[in-house]
Amino acid sequence: PICGMLSTQEPCEICSSKLRDRSKIMVVKDTKDVLAIEN
């Protein structure tokens, strides 16, 4: 409900993580792009 990524939890793992830099948001087409960049 926050970032639109496919996930089995709400919010997703990335939005819920305290280790992510919340000052930056990367806008991508869909979840496949997120996975490619995360890899």
Full PDB file with SEQRES, HELIX, SHEET, SSBOND, CRYST1, ORIGX, SCALE, CONECT and MASTER records, all heavy atoms in Angstrom:
SEQRES   1 A   39  PRO ILE CYS GLY MET LEU SER THR GLN GLU PRO CYS GLU          
SEQRES   2 A   39  ILE CYS SER SER LYS LEU ARG ASP ARG SER LYS ILE MET          
SEQRES   3 A   39  VAL VAL LYS ASP THR LYS ASP VAL LEU ALA ILE GLU ASN          
HELIX    1 AA1 GLU A   13  SER A   16  1                                   4    
HELIX    2 AA2 THR A   31  GLU A   38  1                                   8    
CRYST1    1.000    1.000    1.000  90.00  90.00  90.00 P 1           1          
ORIGX1      1.000000  0.000000  0.000000        0.00000                         
ORIGX2      0.000000  1.000000  0.000000        0.00000                         
ORIGX3      0.000000  0.000000  1.000000        0.00000                         
SCALE1      1.000000  0.000000  0.000000        0.00000                         
SCALE2      0.000000  1.000000  0.000000        0.00000                         
SCALE3      0.000000  0.000000  1.000000        0.00000                         
ATOM      1  N   PRO A   1       0.801  -1.226   0.000  1.00  0.00           N  
ATOM      2  CA  PRO A   1       0.000   0.000   0.000  1.00  0.00           C  
ATOM      3  C   PRO A   1       0.832   1.273   0.000  1.00  0.00           C  
ATOM      4  O   PRO A   1       0.308   2.360  -0.242  1.00  0.00           O  
ATOM      5  CB  PRO A   1      -0.823  -0.119   1.286  1.00  0.00           C  
ATOM      6  CG  PRO A   1       0.001  -0.997   2.177  1.00  0.00           C  
ATOM      7  CD  PRO A   1       0.660  -1.976   1.260  1.00  0.00           C  
ATOM      8  N   ILE A   2       2.145   1.152   0.248  1.00  0.00           N  
ATOM      9  CA  ILE A   2       3.014   2.324   0.279  1.00  0.00           C  
ATOM     10  C   ILE A   2       3.762   2.508  -1.044  1.00  0.00           C  
ATOM     11  O   ILE A   2       3.679   3.564  -1.673  1.00  0.00           O  
ATOM     12  CB  ILE A   2       4.036   2.219   1.430  1.00  0.00           C  
ATOM     13  CG1 ILE A   2       3.312   2.202   2.775  1.00  0.00           C  
ATOM     14  CG2 ILE A   2       5.030   3.388   1.374  1.00  0.00           C  
ATOM     15  CD1 ILE A   2       4.228   2.010   3.962  1.00  0.00           C  
ATOM     16  N   CYS A   3       4.482   1.466  -1.478  1.00  0.00           N  
ATOM     17  CA  CYS A   3       5.323   1.602  -2.671  1.00  0.00           C  
ATOM     18  C   CYS A   3       4.772   0.910  -3.910  1.00  0.00           C  
ATOM     19  O   CYS A   3       5.261   1.145  -5.018  1.00  0.00           O  
ATOM     20  CB  CYS A   3       6.734   1.077  -2.387  1.00  0.00           C  
ATOM     21  SG  CYS A   3       6.826  -0.727  -2.245  1.00  0.00           S  
ATOM     22  N   GLY A   4       3.784   0.053  -3.749  1.00  0.00           N  
ATOM     23  CA  GLY A   4       3.193  -0.619  -4.896  1.00  0.00           C  
ATOM     24  C   GLY A   4       3.893  -1.888  -5.324  1.00  0.00           C  
ATOM     25  O   GLY A   4       3.497  -2.531  -6.298  1.00  0.00           O  
ATOM     26  N   MET A   5       4.958  -2.291  -4.626  1.00  0.00           N  
ATOM     27  CA  MET A   5       5.676  -3.508  -4.988  1.00  0.00           C  
ATOM     28  C   MET A   5       4.891  -4.745  -4.572  1.00  0.00           C  
ATOM     29  O   MET A   5       4.163  -4.724  -3.575  1.00  0.00           O  
ATOM     30  CB  MET A   5       7.052  -3.529  -4.318  1.00  0.00           C  
ATOM     31  CG  MET A   5       7.947  -4.660  -4.785  1.00  0.00           C  
ATOM     32  SD  MET A   5       9.588  -4.637  -4.017  1.00  0.00           S  
ATOM     33  CE  MET A   5       9.219  -5.338  -2.413  1.00  0.00           C  
ATOM     34  N   LEU A   6       5.035  -5.833  -5.322  1.00  0.00           N  
ATOM     35  CA  LEU A   6       4.386  -7.081  -4.957  1.00  0.00           C  
ATOM     36  C   LEU A   6       5.048  -7.669  -3.724  1.00  0.00           C  
ATOM     37  O   LEU A   6       6.276  -7.701  -3.617  1.00  0.00           O  
ATOM     38  CB  LEU A   6       4.471  -8.085  -6.109  1.00  0.00           C  
ATOM     39  CG  LEU A   6       3.639  -7.761  -7.357  1.00  0.00           C  
ATOM     40  CD1 LEU A   6       3.937  -8.766  -8.459  1.00  0.00           C  
ATOM     41  CD2 LEU A   6       2.154  -7.763  -7.024  1.00  0.00           C  
ATOM     42  N   SER A   7       4.227  -8.132  -2.788  1.00  0.00           N  
ATOM     43  CA  SER A   7       4.764  -8.678  -1.548  1.00  0.00           C  
ATOM     44  C   SER A   7       3.697  -9.511  -0.855  1.00  0.00           C  
ATOM     45  O   SER A   7       2.502  -9.380  -1.132  1.00  0.00           O  
ATOM     46  CB  SER A   7       5.225  -7.546  -0.621  1.00  0.00           C  
ATOM     47  OG  SER A   7       5.680  -8.059   0.618  1.00  0.00           O  
ATOM     48  N   THR A   8       4.152 -10.359   0.064  1.00  0.00           N  
ATOM     49  CA  THR A   8       3.218 -11.164   0.845  1.00  0.00           C  
ATOM     50  C   THR A   8       2.902 -10.505   2.181  1.00  0.00           C  
ATOM     51  O   THR A   8       2.152 -11.063   2.977  1.00  0.00           O  
ATOM     52  CB  THR A   8       3.799 -12.572   1.104  1.00  0.00           C  
ATOM     53  OG1 THR A   8       5.078 -12.450   1.734  1.00  0.00           O  
ATOM     54  CG2 THR A   8       3.956 -13.332  -0.211  1.00  0.00           C  
ATOM     55  N   GLN A   9       3.505  -9.332   2.447  1.00  0.00           N  
ATOM     56  CA  GLN A   9       3.221  -8.635   3.695  1.00  0.00           C  
ATOM     57  C   GLN A   9       2.942  -7.156   3.421  1.00  0.00           C  
ATOM     58  O   GLN A   9       3.322  -6.619   2.395  1.00  0.00           O  
ATOM     59  CB  GLN A   9       4.406  -8.759   4.667  1.00  0.00           C  
ATOM     60  CG  GLN A   9       5.662  -8.015   4.247  1.00  0.00           C  
ATOM     61  CD  GLN A   9       6.791  -8.159   5.255  1.00  0.00           C  
ATOM     62  OE1 GLN A   9       7.205  -9.285   5.571  1.00  0.00           O  
ATOM     63  NE2 GLN A   9       7.275  -7.050   5.781  1.00  0.00           N  
ATOM     64  N   GLU A  10       2.243  -6.524   4.352  1.00  0.00           N  
ATOM     65  CA  GLU A  10       1.885  -5.106   4.229  1.00  0.00           C  
ATOM     66  C   GLU A  10       2.315  -4.367   5.495  1.00  0.00           C  
ATOM     67  O   GLU A  10       1.842  -4.702   6.585  1.00  0.00           O  
ATOM     68  CB  GLU A  10       0.379  -4.954   4.028  1.00  0.00           C  
ATOM     69  CG  GLU A  10      -0.135  -5.544   2.739  1.00  0.00           C  
ATOM     70  CD  GLU A  10      -1.620  -5.277   2.544  1.00  0.00           C  
ATOM     71  OE1 GLU A  10      -2.220  -4.546   3.377  1.00  0.00           O  
ATOM     72  OE2 GLU A  10      -2.193  -5.784   1.576  1.00  0.00           O  
ATOM     73  N   PRO A  11       3.176  -3.346   5.366  1.00  0.00           N  
ATOM     74  CA  PRO A  11       3.914  -2.946   4.159  1.00  0.00           C  
ATOM     75  C   PRO A  11       4.927  -4.021   3.768  1.00  0.00           C  
ATOM     76  O   PRO A  11       5.191  -4.952   4.531  1.00  0.00           O  
ATOM     77  CB  PRO A  11       4.620  -1.660   4.581  1.00  0.00           C  
ATOM     78  CG  PRO A  11       3.894  -1.194   5.807  1.00  0.00           C  
ATOM     79  CD  PRO A  11       3.460  -2.450   6.500  1.00  0.00           C  
ATOM     80  N   CYS A  12       5.533  -3.848   2.568  1.00  0.00           N  
ATOM     81  CA  CYS A  12       6.473  -4.832   2.059  1.00  0.00           C  
ATOM     82  C   CYS A  12       7.755  -4.836   2.882  1.00  0.00           C  
ATOM     83  O   CYS A  12       7.967  -3.986   3.754  1.00  0.00           O  
ATOM     84  CB  CYS A  12       6.791  -4.552   0.588  1.00  0.00           C  
ATOM     85  SG  CYS A  12       7.769  -3.041   0.348  1.00  0.00           S  
ATOM     86  N   GLU A  13       8.640  -5.800   2.589  1.00  0.00           N  
ATOM     87  CA  GLU A  13       9.884  -5.954   3.340  1.00  0.00           C  
ATOM     88  C   GLU A  13      10.768  -4.710   3.263  1.00  0.00           C  
ATOM     89  O   GLU A  13      11.412  -4.330   4.248  1.00  0.00           O  
ATOM     90  CB  GLU A  13      10.661  -7.163   2.807  1.00  0.00           C  
ATOM     91  CG  GLU A  13       9.951  -8.499   2.988  1.00  0.00           C  
ATOM     92  CD  GLU A  13       8.983  -8.807   1.857  1.00  0.00           C  
ATOM     93  OE1 GLU A  13       8.651  -7.877   1.092  1.00  0.00           O  
ATOM     94  OE2 GLU A  13       8.558  -9.964   1.746  1.00  0.00           O  
ATOM     95  N   ILE A  14      10.806  -4.062   2.111  1.00  0.00           N  
ATOM     96  CA  ILE A  14      11.673  -2.896   1.943  1.00  0.00           C  
ATOM     97  C   ILE A  14      11.113  -1.690   2.687  1.00  0.00           C  
ATOM     98  O   ILE A  14      11.840  -0.972   3.380  1.00  0.00           O  
ATOM     99  CB  ILE A  14      11.870  -2.574   0.446  1.00  0.00           C  
ATOM    100  CG1 ILE A  14      12.657  -3.713  -0.213  1.00  0.00           C  
ATOM    101  CG2 ILE A  14      12.574  -1.239   0.251  1.00  0.00           C  
ATOM    102  CD1 ILE A  14      12.884  -3.533  -1.696  1.00  0.00           C  
ATOM    103  N   CYS A  15       9.839  -1.436   2.552  1.00  0.00           N  
ATOM    104  CA  CYS A  15       9.222  -0.301   3.250  1.00  0.00           C  
ATOM    105  C   CYS A  15       9.262  -0.483   4.765  1.00  0.00           C  
ATOM    106  O   CYS A  15       9.299   0.499   5.511  1.00  0.00           O  
ATOM    107  CB  CYS A  15       7.776  -0.117   2.787  1.00  0.00           C  
ATOM    108  SG  CYS A  15       7.605   0.512   1.096  1.00  0.00           S  
ATOM    109  N   SER A  16       9.269  -1.724   5.215  1.00  0.00           N  
ATOM    110  CA  SER A  16       9.262  -2.005   6.653  1.00  0.00           C  
ATOM    111  C   SER A  16      10.658  -1.985   7.264  1.00  0.00           C  
ATOM    112  O   SER A  16      10.805  -1.871   8.483  1.00  0.00           O  
ATOM    113  CB  SER A  16       8.633  -3.378   6.922  1.00  0.00           C  
ATOM    114  OG  SER A  16       7.317  -3.438   6.443  1.00  0.00           O  
ATOM    115  N   SER A  17      11.680  -2.100   6.411  1.00  0.00           N  
ATOM    116  CA  SER A  17      13.048  -2.205   6.917  1.00  0.00           C  
ATOM    117  C   SER A  17      13.544  -0.897   7.530  1.00  0.00           C  
ATOM    118  O   SER A  17      13.373   0.182   6.964  1.00  0.00           O  
ATOM    119  CB  SER A  17      13.987  -2.618   5.777  1.00  0.00           C  
ATOM    120  OG  SER A  17      15.335  -2.607   6.225  1.00  0.00           O  
ATOM    121  N   LYS A  18      14.200  -0.992   8.679  1.00  0.00           N  
ATOM    122  CA  LYS A  18      14.787   0.167   9.344  1.00  0.00           C  
ATOM    123  C   LYS A  18      16.195   0.463   8.811  1.00  0.00           C  
ATOM    124  O   LYS A  18      16.815   1.444   9.210  1.00  0.00           O  
ATOM    125  CB  LYS A  18      14.844  -0.072  10.858  1.00  0.00           C  
ATOM    126  CG  LYS A  18      13.475  -0.207  11.508  1.00  0.00           C  
ATOM    127  CD  LYS A  18      13.596  -0.415  13.000  1.00  0.00           C  
ATOM    128  CE  LYS A  18      12.230  -0.540  13.659  1.00  0.00           C  
ATOM    129  NZ  LYS A  18      12.319  -0.757  15.122  1.00  0.00           N  
ATOM    130  N   LEU A  19      16.680  -0.416   7.923  1.00  0.00           N  
ATOM    131  CA  LEU A  19      18.029  -0.268   7.395  1.00  0.00           C  
ATOM    132  C   LEU A  19      18.064   0.521   6.080  1.00  0.00           C  
ATOM    133  O   LEU A  19      19.141   0.853   5.596  1.00  0.00           O  
ATOM    134  CB  LEU A  19      18.659  -1.652   7.160  1.00  0.00           C  
ATOM    135  CG  LEU A  19      18.760  -2.560   8.391  1.00  0.00           C  
ATOM    136  CD1 LEU A  19      19.340  -3.913   7.993  1.00  0.00           C  
ATOM    137  CD2 LEU A  19      19.611  -1.902   9.471  1.00  0.00           C  
ATOM    138  N   ARG A  20      16.894   0.835   5.515  1.00  0.00           N  
ATOM    139  CA  ARG A  20      16.862   1.537   4.234  1.00  0.00           C  
ATOM    140  C   ARG A  20      17.009   3.043   4.445  1.00  0.00           C  
ATOM    141  O   ARG A  20      16.584   3.600   5.465  1.00  0.00           O  
ATOM    142  CB  ARG A  20      15.547   1.264   3.498  1.00  0.00           C  
ATOM    143  CG  ARG A  20      15.165  -0.183   3.361  1.00  0.00           C  
ATOM    144  CD  ARG A  20      16.126  -1.001   2.540  1.00  0.00           C  
ATOM    145  NE  ARG A  20      16.252  -0.585   1.163  1.00  0.00           N  
ATOM    146  CZ  ARG A  20      16.646  -1.399   0.183  1.00  0.00           C  
ATOM    147  NH1 ARG A  20      16.953  -2.664   0.445  1.00  0.00           N  
ATOM    148  NH2 ARG A  20      16.757  -0.947  -1.051  1.00  0.00           N  
ATOM    149  N   ASP A  21      17.615   3.701   3.468  1.00  0.00           N  
ATOM    150  CA  ASP A  21      17.773   5.155   3.484  1.00  0.00           C  
ATOM    151  C   ASP A  21      16.460   5.789   3.019  1.00  0.00           C  
ATOM    152  O   ASP A  21      16.129   5.763   1.835  1.00  0.00           O  
ATOM    153  CB  ASP A  21      18.910   5.557   2.541  1.00  0.00           C  
ATOM    154  CG  ASP A  21      19.176   7.056   2.566  1.00  0.00           C  
ATOM    155  OD1 ASP A  21      18.381   7.799   3.186  1.00  0.00           O  
ATOM    156  OD2 ASP A  21      20.168   7.495   1.956  1.00  0.00           O  
ATOM    157  N   ARG A  22      15.721   6.378   3.940  1.00  0.00           N  
ATOM    158  CA  ARG A  22      14.402   6.910   3.635  1.00  0.00           C  
ATOM    159  C   ARG A  22      14.439   8.304   3.007  1.00  0.00           C  
ATOM    160  O   ARG A  22      13.395   8.889   2.728  1.00  0.00           O  
ATOM    161  CB  ARG A  22      13.532   6.917   4.893  1.00  0.00           C  
ATOM    162  CG  ARG A  22      13.321   5.515   5.428  1.00  0.00           C  
ATOM    163  CD  ARG A  22      12.371   5.428   6.589  1.00  0.00           C  
ATOM    164  NE  ARG A  22      12.152   4.031   6.930  1.00  0.00           N  
ATOM    165  CZ  ARG A  22      11.277   3.243   6.337  1.00  0.00           C  
ATOM    166  NH1 ARG A  22      10.507   3.730   5.386  1.00  0.00           N  
ATOM    167  NH2 ARG A  22      11.158   1.984   6.679  1.00  0.00           N  
ATOM    168  N   SER A  23      15.630   8.808   2.773  1.00  0.00           N  
ATOM    169  CA  SER A  23      15.746  10.114   2.124  1.00  0.00           C  
ATOM    170  C   SER A  23      15.731   9.990   0.597  1.00  0.00           C  
ATOM    171  O   SER A  23      15.677  10.986  -0.108  1.00  0.00           O  
ATOM    172  CB  SER A  23      17.036  10.811   2.556  1.00  0.00           C  
ATOM    173  OG  SER A  23      18.177  10.141   2.048  1.00  0.00           O  
ATOM    174  N   LYS A  24      15.775   8.736   0.086  1.00  0.00           N  
ATOM    175  CA  LYS A  24      15.814   8.499  -1.363  1.00  0.00           C  
ATOM    176  C   LYS A  24      14.686   7.574  -1.793  1.00  0.00           C  
ATOM    177  O   LYS A  24      14.416   6.569  -1.138  1.00  0.00           O  
ATOM    178  CB  LYS A  24      17.155   7.880  -1.772  1.00  0.00           C  
ATOM    179  CG  LYS A  24      18.370   8.732  -1.489  1.00  0.00           C  
ATOM    180  CD  LYS A  24      19.644   8.011  -1.889  1.00  0.00           C  
ATOM    181  CE  LYS A  24      20.864   8.895  -1.705  1.00  0.00           C  
ATOM    182  NZ  LYS A  24      21.114   9.202  -0.291  1.00  0.00           N  
ATOM    183  N   ILE A  25      14.035   7.933  -2.894  1.00  0.00           N  
ATOM    184  CA  ILE A  25      13.004   7.075  -3.483  1.00  0.00           C  
ATOM    185  C   ILE A  25      13.334   6.893  -4.959  1.00  0.00           C  
ATOM    186  O   ILE A  25      13.450   7.869  -5.702  1.00  0.00           O  
ATOM    187  CB  ILE A  25      11.595   7.672  -3.347  1.00  0.00           C  
ATOM    188  CG1 ILE A  25      11.197   7.787  -1.878  1.00  0.00           C  
ATOM    189  CG2 ILE A  25      10.579   6.812  -4.105  1.00  0.00           C  
ATOM    190  CD1 ILE A  25       9.817   8.394  -1.667  1.00  0.00           C  
ATOM    191  N   MET A  26      13.504   5.647  -5.382  1.00  0.00           N  
ATOM    192  CA  MET A  26      13.721   5.353  -6.793  1.00  0.00           C  
ATOM    193  C   MET A  26      12.403   4.905  -7.415  1.00  0.00           C  
ATOM    194  O   MET A  26      11.779   3.952  -6.953  1.00  0.00           O  
ATOM    195  CB  MET A  26      14.784   4.264  -6.983  1.00  0.00           C  
ATOM    196  CG  MET A  26      15.044   3.935  -8.453  1.00  0.00           C  
ATOM    197  SD  MET A  26      16.298   2.649  -8.716  1.00  0.00           S  
ATOM    198  CE  MET A  26      17.781   3.515  -8.219  1.00  0.00           C  
ATOM    199  N   VAL A  27      11.992   5.597  -8.463  1.00  0.00           N  
ATOM    200  CA  VAL A  27      10.733   5.293  -9.139  1.00  0.00           C  
ATOM    201  C   VAL A  27      11.006   4.366 -10.321  1.00  0.00           C  
ATOM    202  O   VAL A  27      11.783   4.715 -11.229  1.00  0.00           O  
ATOM    203  CB  VAL A  27      10.047   6.584  -9.632  1.00  0.00           C  
ATOM    204  CG1 VAL A  27       8.715   6.254 -10.302  1.00  0.00           C  
ATOM    205  CG2 VAL A  27       9.833   7.549  -8.466  1.00  0.00           C  
ATOM    206  N   VAL A  28      10.384   3.193 -10.320  1.00  0.00           N  
ATOM    207  CA  VAL A  28      10.587   2.207 -11.381  1.00  0.00           C  
ATOM    208  C   VAL A  28       9.235   1.761 -11.942  1.00  0.00           C  
ATOM    209  O   VAL A  28       8.182   2.101 -11.397  1.00  0.00           O  
ATOM    210  CB  VAL A  28      11.357   0.976 -10.858  1.00  0.00           C  
ATOM    211  CG1 VAL A  28      12.752   1.372 -10.406  1.00  0.00           C  
ATOM    212  CG2 VAL A  28      10.603   0.311  -9.707  1.00  0.00           C  
ATOM    213  N   LYS A  29       9.296   0.996 -13.010  1.00  0.00           N  
ATOM    214  CA  LYS A  29       8.058   0.544 -13.651  1.00  0.00           C  
ATOM    215  C   LYS A  29       7.300  -0.452 -12.776  1.00  0.00           C  
ATOM    216  O   LYS A  29       6.106  -0.287 -12.532  1.00  0.00           O  
ATOM    217  CB  LYS A  29       8.364  -0.083 -15.007  1.00  0.00           C  
ATOM    218  CG  LYS A  29       7.140  -0.670 -15.702  1.00  0.00           C  
ATOM    219  CD  LYS A  29       7.517  -1.389 -16.985  1.00  0.00           C  
ATOM    220  CE  LYS A  29       6.292  -2.047 -17.624  1.00  0.00           C  
ATOM    221  NZ  LYS A  29       6.661  -2.802 -18.849  1.00  0.00           N  
ATOM    222  N   ASP A  30       7.990  -1.506 -12.323  1.00  0.00           N  
ATOM    223  CA  ASP A  30       7.291  -2.548 -11.572  1.00  0.00           C  
ATOM    224  C   ASP A  30       8.255  -3.337 -10.685  1.00  0.00           C  
ATOM    225  O   ASP A  30       9.440  -3.007 -10.572  1.00  0.00           O  
ATOM    226  CB  ASP A  30       6.538  -3.496 -12.510  1.00  0.00           C  
ATOM    227  CG  ASP A  30       7.440  -4.059 -13.610  1.00  0.00           C  
ATOM    228  OD1 ASP A  30       8.655  -4.222 -13.359  1.00  0.00           O  
ATOM    229  OD2 ASP A  30       6.939  -4.325 -14.722  1.00  0.00           O  
ATOM    230  N   THR A  31       7.737  -4.384 -10.074  1.00  0.00           N  
ATOM    231  CA  THR A  31       8.505  -5.191  -9.125  1.00  0.00           C  
ATOM    232  C   THR A  31       9.713  -5.846  -9.776  1.00  0.00           C  
ATOM    233  O   THR A  31      10.752  -6.025  -9.121  1.00  0.00           O  
ATOM    234  CB  THR A  31       7.602  -6.276  -8.497  1.00  0.00           C  
ATOM    235  OG1 THR A  31       6.471  -5.639  -7.876  1.00  0.00           O  
ATOM    236  CG2 THR A  31       8.347  -7.080  -7.448  1.00  0.00           C  
ATOM    237  N   LYS A  32       9.624  -6.211 -11.054  1.00  0.00           N  
ATOM    238  CA  LYS A  32      10.746  -6.839 -11.736  1.00  0.00           C  
ATOM    239  C   LYS A  32      11.965  -5.923 -11.748  1.00  0.00           C  
ATOM    240  O   LYS A  32      13.106  -6.386 -11.605  1.00  0.00           O  
ATOM    241  CB  LYS A  32      10.351  -7.226 -13.165  1.00  0.00           C  
ATOM    242  CG  LYS A  32       9.349  -8.372 -13.240  1.00  0.00           C  
ATOM    243  CD  LYS A  32       9.020  -8.721 -14.672  1.00  0.00           C  
ATOM    244  CE  LYS A  32       8.222  -7.607 -15.336  1.00  0.00           C  
ATOM    245  NZ  LYS A  32       7.784  -7.972 -16.708  1.00  0.00           N  
ATOM    246  N   ASP A  33      11.740  -4.613 -11.913  1.00  0.00           N  
ATOM    247  CA  ASP A  33      12.854  -3.661 -11.894  1.00  0.00           C  
ATOM    248  C   ASP A  33      13.468  -3.571 -10.498  1.00  0.00           C  
ATOM    249  O   ASP A  33      14.684  -3.444 -10.342  1.00  0.00           O  
ATOM    250  CB  ASP A  33      12.383  -2.282 -12.342  1.00  0.00           C  
ATOM    251  CG  ASP A  33      12.049  -2.246 -13.827  1.00  0.00           C  
ATOM    252  OD1 ASP A  33      12.525  -3.130 -14.561  1.00  0.00           O  
ATOM    253  OD2 ASP A  33      11.313  -1.332 -14.247  1.00  0.00           O  
ATOM    254  N   VAL A  34      12.622  -3.631  -9.472  1.00  0.00           N  
ATOM    255  CA  VAL A  34      13.120  -3.599  -8.096  1.00  0.00           C  
ATOM    256  C   VAL A  34      14.044  -4.788  -7.846  1.00  0.00           C  
ATOM    257  O   VAL A  34      15.142  -4.643  -7.301  1.00  0.00           O  
ATOM    258  CB  VAL A  34      11.958  -3.623  -7.079  1.00  0.00           C  
ATOM    259  CG1 VAL A  34      12.496  -3.782  -5.660  1.00  0.00           C  
ATOM    260  CG2 VAL A  34      11.130  -2.361  -7.180  1.00  0.00           C  
ATOM    261  N   LEU A  35      13.609  -5.970  -8.255  1.00  0.00           N  
ATOM    262  CA  LEU A  35      14.406  -7.172  -8.037  1.00  0.00           C  
ATOM    263  C   LEU A  35      15.741  -7.094  -8.772  1.00  0.00           C  
ATOM    264  O   LEU A  35      16.780  -7.509  -8.239  1.00  0.00           O  
ATOM    265  CB  LEU A  35      13.621  -8.408  -8.502  1.00  0.00           C  
ATOM    266  CG  LEU A  35      12.314  -8.690  -7.751  1.00  0.00           C  
ATOM    267  CD1 LEU A  35      11.616  -9.909  -8.330  1.00  0.00           C  
ATOM    268  CD2 LEU A  35      12.584  -8.890  -6.270  1.00  0.00           C  
ATOM    269  N   ALA A  36      15.726  -6.555  -9.993  1.00  0.00           N  
ATOM    270  CA  ALA A  36      16.965  -6.438 -10.769  1.00  0.00           C  
ATOM    271  C   ALA A  36      17.967  -5.521 -10.068  1.00  0.00           C  
ATOM    272  O   ALA A  36      19.158  -5.823  -9.998  1.00  0.00           O  
ATOM    273  CB  ALA A  36      16.656  -5.918 -12.168  1.00  0.00           C  
ATOM    274  N   ILE A  37      17.481  -4.406  -9.549  1.00  0.00           N  
ATOM    275  CA  ILE A  37      18.363  -3.448  -8.873  1.00  0.00           C  
ATOM    276  C   ILE A  37      18.810  -3.987  -7.517  1.00  0.00           C  
ATOM    277  O   ILE A  37      19.967  -3.830  -7.123  1.00  0.00           O  
ATOM    278  CB  ILE A  37      17.653  -2.090  -8.708  1.00  0.00           C  
ATOM    279  CG1 ILE A  37      17.356  -1.490 -10.089  1.00  0.00           C  
ATOM    280  CG2 ILE A  37      18.498  -1.124  -7.882  1.00  0.00           C  
ATOM    281  CD1 ILE A  37      16.476  -0.263 -10.054  1.00  0.00           C  
ATOM    282  N   GLU A  38      17.914  -4.646  -6.796  1.00  0.00           N  
ATOM    283  CA  GLU A  38      18.266  -5.215  -5.497  1.00  0.00           C  
ATOM    284  C   GLU A  38      19.336  -6.293  -5.626  1.00  0.00           C  
ATOM    285  O   GLU A  38      20.186  -6.450  -4.749  1.00  0.00           O  
ATOM    286  CB  GLU A  38      17.025  -5.802  -4.821  1.00  0.00           C  
ATOM    287  CG  GLU A  38      16.118  -4.769  -4.185  1.00  0.00           C  
ATOM    288  CD  GLU A  38      16.789  -4.061  -3.019  1.00  0.00           C  
ATOM    289  OE1 GLU A  38      17.007  -4.695  -1.972  1.00  0.00           O  
ATOM    290  OE2 GLU A  38      17.104  -2.865  -3.172  1.00  0.00           O  
ATOM    291  N   ASN A  39      19.322  -7.035  -6.729  1.00  0.00           N  
ATOM    292  CA  ASN A  39      20.292  -8.106  -6.927  1.00  0.00           C  
ATOM    293  C   ASN A  39      21.721  -7.579  -7.042  1.00  0.00           C  
ATOM    294  O   ASN A  39      22.682  -8.325  -6.838  1.00  0.00           O  
ATOM    295  CB  ASN A  39      19.948  -8.924  -8.174  1.00  0.00           C  
ATOM    296  CG  ASN A  39      18.769  -9.843  -7.946  1.00  0.00           C  
ATOM    297  OD1 ASN A  39      18.471 -10.216  -6.816  1.00  0.00           O  
ATOM    298  ND2 ASN A  39      18.080 -10.221  -9.015  1.00  0.00           N  
TER     299      ASN A  39                                                      
MASTER        0    0    0    2    0    0    0    6  298    1    0    3          
END                                                                             
